[in-house]
């Protein structure tokens, strides 16, 4: 698949977030972790918990729970025409960080707050893989 075949907006890759996108492309999720052990997302040069500027990229389980979600019925971007309704969810990983994502593989009326989920990887272009979540 090439970028021209994927019509929806894609994230901007930069030197700071490249390790995250590379990990998803390899179908393994890794996030920044500071010296004190706090995982963080989005990518940030400073840990919001302890203010450490030191971090490494560490694997996470890819498991979590639905923290919040909405079902979108309105087409706000033309590239989503024909996709509505779709869900937008906030998943809280077992390690703590929260990710904005979609819940896939189940009907929208079965998505619920607190529902356990696990990551699945959607290869959308040659350069990008997105993290989506399915019911665990």
N, C-alpha and C. Protein backbone atom coordinates (compact mmCIF):
# COMPACT_ATOMS: atom_id res chain seq x y z
N UNK A 1 0.86 -1.18 0.00
CA UNK A 1 0.00 0.00 0.00
C UNK A 1 0.89 1.23 0.00
N UNK A 2 0.50 2.26 -0.72
CA UNK A 2 1.25 3.51 -0.74
C UNK A 2 0.41 4.61 -0.13
N UNK A 3 1.06 5.71 0.22
CA UNK A 3 0.37 6.82 0.87
C UNK A 3 -0.79 7.33 0.02
N UNK A 4 -0.66 7.30 -1.30
CA UNK A 4 -1.73 7.82 -2.15
C UNK A 4 -2.99 6.98 -2.05
N UNK A 5 -2.89 5.72 -1.63
CA UNK A 5 -4.05 4.86 -1.48
C UNK A 5 -4.78 5.09 -0.17
N UNK A 6 -4.13 5.74 0.78
CA UNK A 6 -4.74 6.01 2.08
C UNK A 6 -5.12 7.48 2.11
N UNK A 7 -6.42 7.77 2.10
CA UNK A 7 -6.89 9.14 1.93
C UNK A 7 -7.01 9.93 3.23
N UNK A 8 -7.05 9.24 4.37
CA UNK A 8 -7.24 9.95 5.64
C UNK A 8 -5.95 10.65 6.08
N UNK A 9 -6.07 11.68 6.91
CA UNK A 9 -4.87 12.36 7.40
C UNK A 9 -3.97 11.41 8.18
N UNK A 10 -2.67 11.60 8.03
CA UNK A 10 -1.69 10.80 8.76
C UNK A 10 -0.92 11.69 9.74
N UNK A 11 -0.37 11.09 10.78
CA UNK A 11 0.44 11.87 11.73
C UNK A 11 1.68 12.42 11.04
N UNK A 12 2.29 13.40 11.67
CA UNK A 12 3.55 13.94 11.18
C UNK A 12 4.68 13.22 11.90
N UNK A 13 5.57 12.63 11.14
CA UNK A 13 6.73 11.94 11.71
C UNK A 13 7.84 12.98 11.88
N UNK A 14 8.47 12.98 13.05
CA UNK A 14 9.60 13.87 13.30
C UNK A 14 10.67 13.09 14.07
N UNK A 15 11.84 13.67 14.26
CA UNK A 15 12.91 12.92 14.94
C UNK A 15 12.54 12.45 16.35
N UNK A 16 11.70 13.19 17.04
CA UNK A 16 11.34 12.82 18.41
C UNK A 16 10.37 11.64 18.46
N UNK A 17 9.43 11.57 17.52
CA UNK A 17 8.43 10.49 17.58
C UNK A 17 8.73 9.30 16.67
N UNK A 18 9.80 9.37 15.90
CA UNK A 18 10.13 8.27 14.99
C UNK A 18 10.26 6.92 15.69
N UNK A 19 10.88 6.83 16.89
CA UNK A 19 10.93 5.51 17.55
C UNK A 19 9.55 4.91 17.81
N UNK A 20 8.56 5.75 18.12
CA UNK A 20 7.20 5.26 18.34
C UNK A 20 6.65 4.67 17.04
N UNK A 21 6.74 5.42 15.94
CA UNK A 21 6.19 4.97 14.67
C UNK A 21 6.94 3.74 14.15
N UNK A 22 8.25 3.71 14.37
CA UNK A 22 9.03 2.53 13.96
C UNK A 22 8.59 1.29 14.74
N UNK A 23 8.29 1.46 16.03
CA UNK A 23 7.86 0.31 16.83
C UNK A 23 6.51 -0.22 16.34
N UNK A 24 5.59 0.68 16.01
CA UNK A 24 4.30 0.23 15.49
C UNK A 24 4.47 -0.48 14.16
N UNK A 25 5.36 0.03 13.32
CA UNK A 25 5.59 -0.61 12.02
C UNK A 25 6.09 -2.04 12.21
N UNK A 26 6.84 -2.28 13.29
CA UNK A 26 7.33 -3.62 13.62
C UNK A 26 6.30 -4.43 14.40
N UNK A 27 5.09 -3.87 14.57
CA UNK A 27 4.00 -4.50 15.33
C UNK A 27 4.40 -4.79 16.77
N UNK A 28 5.10 -3.83 17.35
CA UNK A 28 5.44 -3.84 18.78
C UNK A 28 5.30 -2.40 19.25
N UNK A 29 4.60 -2.18 20.33
CA UNK A 29 4.43 -0.83 20.84
C UNK A 29 5.50 -0.53 21.88
N UNK A 30 6.22 0.58 21.66
CA UNK A 30 7.20 1.06 22.63
C UNK A 30 6.89 2.51 22.93
N UNK A 31 7.06 2.89 24.20
CA UNK A 31 6.84 4.27 24.63
C UNK A 31 8.06 4.75 25.41
N UNK A 32 8.15 6.07 25.54
CA UNK A 32 9.21 6.65 26.36
C UNK A 32 9.00 6.27 27.82
N UNK A 33 10.11 6.01 28.51
CA UNK A 33 10.07 5.73 29.94
C UNK A 33 11.22 6.48 30.60
N UNK A 34 10.91 7.25 31.62
CA UNK A 34 11.94 8.05 32.29
C UNK A 34 12.74 7.17 33.25
N UNK A 35 13.79 7.76 33.83
CA UNK A 35 14.66 7.05 34.78
C UNK A 35 13.89 6.53 35.98
N UNK A 36 12.85 7.24 36.40
CA UNK A 36 12.06 6.84 37.57
C UNK A 36 11.02 5.77 37.23
N UNK A 37 10.89 5.42 35.94
CA UNK A 37 9.99 4.34 35.55
C UNK A 37 8.63 4.77 35.03
N UNK A 38 8.41 6.07 34.85
CA UNK A 38 7.12 6.55 34.34
C UNK A 38 7.09 6.46 32.81
N UNK A 39 6.08 5.76 32.28
CA UNK A 39 5.86 5.76 30.84
C UNK A 39 5.13 7.05 30.48
N UNK A 40 5.40 7.55 29.27
CA UNK A 40 4.70 8.77 28.85
C UNK A 40 4.35 8.72 27.37
N UNK A 41 3.23 9.34 27.08
CA UNK A 41 2.74 9.56 25.73
C UNK A 41 1.76 10.71 25.81
N UNK A 42 1.81 11.67 24.88
CA UNK A 42 2.64 11.71 23.70
C UNK A 42 4.12 11.95 24.03
N UNK A 43 4.94 11.81 22.99
CA UNK A 43 6.37 12.00 23.12
C UNK A 43 6.65 13.38 23.69
N UNK A 44 7.56 13.44 24.63
CA UNK A 44 7.86 14.69 25.31
C UNK A 44 9.30 14.65 25.79
N UNK A 45 10.04 15.76 25.70
CA UNK A 45 11.43 15.75 26.17
C UNK A 45 11.55 15.72 27.69
N UNK A 46 10.45 16.00 28.40
CA UNK A 46 10.47 16.04 29.86
C UNK A 46 9.34 15.19 30.42
N UNK A 47 9.66 14.37 31.43
CA UNK A 47 8.63 13.55 32.07
C UNK A 47 7.66 14.46 32.84
N UNK A 48 6.36 14.37 32.58
CA UNK A 48 5.41 15.22 33.30
C UNK A 48 5.24 14.82 34.77
N UNK A 49 5.68 13.62 35.15
CA UNK A 49 5.54 13.18 36.54
C UNK A 49 6.71 13.62 37.42
N UNK A 50 7.94 13.50 36.89
CA UNK A 50 9.11 13.79 37.75
C UNK A 50 10.05 14.82 37.15
N UNK A 51 9.74 15.30 35.96
CA UNK A 51 10.51 16.33 35.25
C UNK A 51 11.88 15.85 34.77
N UNK A 52 12.11 14.55 34.76
CA UNK A 52 13.36 14.01 34.23
C UNK A 52 13.45 14.28 32.74
N UNK A 53 14.65 14.60 32.29
CA UNK A 53 14.89 14.80 30.86
C UNK A 53 15.52 13.55 30.23
N UNK A 54 15.75 12.52 31.02
CA UNK A 54 16.34 11.27 30.54
C UNK A 54 15.23 10.24 30.30
N UNK A 55 15.30 9.57 29.15
CA UNK A 55 14.31 8.53 28.88
C UNK A 55 14.88 7.51 27.90
N UNK A 56 14.27 6.35 27.89
CA UNK A 56 14.57 5.30 26.92
C UNK A 56 13.24 4.86 26.32
N UNK A 57 13.31 4.15 25.20
CA UNK A 57 12.12 3.61 24.56
C UNK A 57 11.97 2.17 25.00
N UNK A 58 10.87 1.88 25.71
CA UNK A 58 10.65 0.56 26.31
C UNK A 58 9.35 -0.06 25.78
N UNK A 59 9.32 -1.39 25.65
CA UNK A 59 8.08 -2.04 25.22
C UNK A 59 6.99 -1.93 26.27
N UNK A 60 5.75 -1.84 25.80
CA UNK A 60 4.58 -1.88 26.68
C UNK A 60 3.72 -3.06 26.25
N UNK A 61 2.81 -3.45 27.12
CA UNK A 61 2.01 -4.66 26.90
C UNK A 61 1.01 -4.54 25.75
N UNK A 62 0.58 -3.32 25.44
CA UNK A 62 -0.46 -3.15 24.43
C UNK A 62 -1.85 -3.48 24.97
N UNK A 63 -1.95 -3.66 26.28
CA UNK A 63 -3.23 -3.94 26.92
C UNK A 63 -3.67 -2.71 27.71
N UNK A 64 -4.99 -2.55 27.80
CA UNK A 64 -5.51 -1.43 28.55
C UNK A 64 -7.01 -1.51 28.67
N UNK A 65 -7.61 -0.36 28.99
CA UNK A 65 -9.06 -0.27 29.11
C UNK A 65 -9.55 1.00 28.40
N UNK A 66 -10.79 0.94 27.95
CA UNK A 66 -11.40 2.12 27.33
C UNK A 66 -11.67 3.12 28.45
N UNK A 67 -11.04 4.28 28.34
CA UNK A 67 -11.20 5.35 29.33
C UNK A 67 -12.40 6.23 28.96
N UNK A 68 -12.57 6.47 27.65
CA UNK A 68 -13.65 7.31 27.15
C UNK A 68 -13.81 7.04 25.65
N UNK A 69 -14.97 7.36 25.11
CA UNK A 69 -15.16 7.20 23.67
C UNK A 69 -16.36 8.02 23.21
N UNK A 70 -16.40 8.28 21.92
CA UNK A 70 -17.55 8.90 21.26
C UNK A 70 -17.79 8.15 19.96
N UNK A 71 -19.02 8.22 19.48
CA UNK A 71 -19.36 7.70 18.17
C UNK A 71 -19.59 8.92 17.28
N UNK A 72 -18.83 9.02 16.20
CA UNK A 72 -18.89 10.16 15.31
C UNK A 72 -19.85 9.84 14.16
N UNK A 73 -20.86 10.70 13.98
CA UNK A 73 -21.84 10.52 12.92
C UNK A 73 -21.71 11.58 11.83
N UNK A 74 -21.05 12.67 12.13
CA UNK A 74 -20.89 13.79 11.20
C UNK A 74 -19.59 13.64 10.42
N UNK A 75 -19.61 13.97 9.15
CA UNK A 75 -18.38 13.96 8.34
C UNK A 75 -17.73 15.34 8.47
N UNK A 76 -16.64 15.40 9.23
CA UNK A 76 -15.93 16.66 9.43
C UNK A 76 -14.79 16.84 8.44
N UNK A 77 -14.31 15.74 7.88
CA UNK A 77 -13.23 15.77 6.90
C UNK A 77 -13.68 14.92 5.72
N UNK A 78 -13.57 15.42 4.50
CA UNK A 78 -14.06 14.67 3.34
C UNK A 78 -13.45 13.27 3.21
N UNK A 79 -12.26 13.06 3.74
CA UNK A 79 -11.64 11.73 3.62
C UNK A 79 -12.34 10.67 4.45
N UNK A 80 -13.24 11.09 5.34
CA UNK A 80 -14.00 10.15 6.16
C UNK A 80 -15.40 9.89 5.60
N UNK A 81 -15.72 10.47 4.43
CA UNK A 81 -17.02 10.26 3.82
C UNK A 81 -17.20 8.76 3.56
N UNK A 82 -18.32 8.23 3.95
CA UNK A 82 -18.58 6.81 3.80
C UNK A 82 -18.08 5.97 4.97
N UNK A 83 -17.41 6.58 5.93
CA UNK A 83 -16.87 5.87 7.10
C UNK A 83 -17.76 6.01 8.33
N UNK A 84 -18.68 6.98 8.31
CA UNK A 84 -19.51 7.21 9.50
C UNK A 84 -20.59 6.14 9.60
N UNK A 85 -21.00 5.79 10.78
CA UNK A 85 -20.41 6.24 12.04
C UNK A 85 -19.11 5.48 12.34
N UNK A 86 -18.23 6.14 13.11
CA UNK A 86 -17.01 5.49 13.58
C UNK A 86 -16.77 5.95 15.01
N UNK A 87 -15.95 5.21 15.73
CA UNK A 87 -15.68 5.60 17.11
C UNK A 87 -14.30 6.19 17.24
N UNK A 88 -14.18 7.09 18.18
CA UNK A 88 -12.89 7.64 18.60
C UNK A 88 -12.82 7.38 20.10
N UNK A 89 -11.75 6.69 20.51
CA UNK A 89 -11.65 6.27 21.90
C UNK A 89 -10.34 6.73 22.52
N UNK A 90 -10.38 6.90 23.83
CA UNK A 90 -9.19 7.09 24.63
C UNK A 90 -8.98 5.79 25.38
N UNK A 91 -7.84 5.14 25.12
CA UNK A 91 -7.50 3.90 25.81
C UNK A 91 -6.40 4.19 26.81
N UNK A 92 -6.63 3.79 28.05
CA UNK A 92 -5.60 3.91 29.07
C UNK A 92 -4.84 2.58 29.12
N UNK A 93 -3.56 2.64 28.75
CA UNK A 93 -2.74 1.44 28.77
C UNK A 93 -2.52 0.98 30.21
N UNK A 94 -2.26 -0.31 30.39
CA UNK A 94 -1.96 -0.84 31.72
C UNK A 94 -0.79 -0.11 32.35
N UNK A 95 0.12 0.40 31.52
CA UNK A 95 1.29 1.12 32.02
C UNK A 95 1.00 2.57 32.37
N UNK A 96 -0.22 3.06 32.05
CA UNK A 96 -0.62 4.39 32.47
C UNK A 96 -0.96 5.39 31.39
N UNK A 97 -0.15 5.54 30.34
CA UNK A 97 -0.47 6.56 29.33
C UNK A 97 -1.80 6.29 28.63
N UNK A 98 -2.39 7.36 28.13
CA UNK A 98 -3.65 7.27 27.39
C UNK A 98 -3.41 7.61 25.94
N UNK A 99 -4.00 6.81 25.05
CA UNK A 99 -3.84 6.99 23.61
C UNK A 99 -5.18 7.27 22.96
N UNK A 100 -5.19 8.15 21.99
CA UNK A 100 -6.37 8.40 21.17
C UNK A 100 -6.35 7.41 20.02
N UNK A 101 -7.44 6.69 19.82
CA UNK A 101 -7.43 5.56 18.89
C UNK A 101 -8.85 5.22 18.45
N UNK A 102 -9.00 4.05 17.86
CA UNK A 102 -10.31 3.49 17.50
C UNK A 102 -10.42 2.09 18.06
N UNK A 103 -11.64 1.69 18.42
CA UNK A 103 -11.92 0.32 18.83
C UNK A 103 -12.46 -0.38 17.59
N UNK A 104 -11.85 -1.49 17.23
CA UNK A 104 -12.21 -2.20 16.00
C UNK A 104 -12.69 -3.61 16.34
N UNK A 105 -13.40 -4.19 15.38
CA UNK A 105 -13.79 -5.58 15.50
C UNK A 105 -15.07 -5.84 16.26
N UNK A 106 -15.73 -4.80 16.75
CA UNK A 106 -17.02 -4.97 17.43
C UNK A 106 -17.96 -3.83 17.03
N UNK A 107 -19.23 -4.06 17.23
CA UNK A 107 -20.23 -3.03 16.93
C UNK A 107 -20.05 -1.86 17.90
N UNK A 108 -20.32 -0.66 17.40
CA UNK A 108 -20.15 0.54 18.23
C UNK A 108 -20.95 0.48 19.52
N UNK A 109 -22.15 -0.13 19.48
CA UNK A 109 -22.96 -0.16 20.69
C UNK A 109 -22.44 -1.18 21.72
N UNK A 110 -21.38 -1.90 21.38
CA UNK A 110 -20.76 -2.82 22.34
C UNK A 110 -19.51 -2.23 22.99
N UNK A 111 -19.06 -1.06 22.50
CA UNK A 111 -17.93 -0.38 23.13
C UNK A 111 -18.42 0.20 24.45
N UNK A 112 -17.63 0.04 25.51
CA UNK A 112 -18.04 0.59 26.81
C UNK A 112 -16.83 1.05 27.60
N UNK A 113 -17.05 2.04 28.44
CA UNK A 113 -16.00 2.54 29.32
C UNK A 113 -15.63 1.42 30.29
N UNK A 114 -14.32 1.23 30.47
CA UNK A 114 -13.83 0.17 31.34
C UNK A 114 -13.60 -1.15 30.63
N UNK A 115 -13.99 -1.25 29.37
CA UNK A 115 -13.83 -2.48 28.61
C UNK A 115 -12.35 -2.78 28.41
N UNK A 116 -11.92 -4.01 28.73
CA UNK A 116 -10.52 -4.37 28.47
C UNK A 116 -10.26 -4.52 26.98
N UNK A 117 -9.11 -4.00 26.53
CA UNK A 117 -8.76 -4.03 25.12
C UNK A 117 -7.28 -4.39 24.95
N UNK A 118 -6.94 -4.78 23.72
CA UNK A 118 -5.54 -5.05 23.38
C UNK A 118 -5.26 -4.44 22.01
N UNK A 119 -4.01 -4.08 21.81
CA UNK A 119 -3.61 -3.41 20.57
C UNK A 119 -3.65 -4.37 19.38
N UNK A 120 -4.05 -3.83 18.25
CA UNK A 120 -3.91 -4.48 16.94
C UNK A 120 -3.28 -3.43 16.03
N UNK A 121 -2.57 -3.88 15.04
CA UNK A 121 -1.80 -2.97 14.19
C UNK A 121 -2.42 -2.91 12.81
N UNK A 122 -2.65 -1.70 12.33
CA UNK A 122 -3.21 -1.49 11.00
C UNK A 122 -2.15 -0.84 10.12
N UNK A 123 -1.60 -1.61 9.20
CA UNK A 123 -0.61 -1.10 8.24
C UNK A 123 -1.36 -0.30 7.19
N UNK A 124 -1.28 1.03 7.25
CA UNK A 124 -2.06 1.86 6.35
C UNK A 124 -1.27 2.36 5.15
N UNK A 125 0.04 2.46 5.28
CA UNK A 125 0.92 2.83 4.15
C UNK A 125 2.23 2.07 4.33
N UNK A 126 3.13 2.26 3.40
CA UNK A 126 4.45 1.66 3.52
C UNK A 126 5.21 2.24 4.71
N UNK A 127 4.87 3.47 5.10
CA UNK A 127 5.59 4.17 6.17
C UNK A 127 4.85 4.21 7.50
N UNK A 128 3.54 3.97 7.50
CA UNK A 128 2.77 4.14 8.73
C UNK A 128 1.93 2.92 9.08
N UNK A 129 2.03 2.56 10.34
CA UNK A 129 1.16 1.57 10.96
C UNK A 129 0.49 2.29 12.11
N UNK A 130 -0.82 2.16 12.23
CA UNK A 130 -1.57 2.79 13.30
C UNK A 130 -1.93 1.75 14.36
N UNK A 131 -1.95 2.19 15.62
CA UNK A 131 -2.38 1.34 16.73
C UNK A 131 -3.87 1.50 16.91
N UNK A 132 -4.60 0.42 16.72
CA UNK A 132 -6.02 0.37 17.00
C UNK A 132 -6.19 -0.64 18.14
N UNK A 133 -7.38 -0.76 18.69
CA UNK A 133 -7.60 -1.68 19.79
C UNK A 133 -8.84 -2.51 19.55
N UNK A 134 -8.79 -3.75 20.04
CA UNK A 134 -9.93 -4.66 19.96
C UNK A 134 -10.26 -5.15 21.36
N UNK A 135 -11.47 -5.65 21.51
CA UNK A 135 -11.89 -6.18 22.81
C UNK A 135 -10.96 -7.31 23.22
N UNK A 136 -10.57 -7.30 24.48
CA UNK A 136 -9.71 -8.38 25.00
C UNK A 136 -10.57 -9.38 25.73
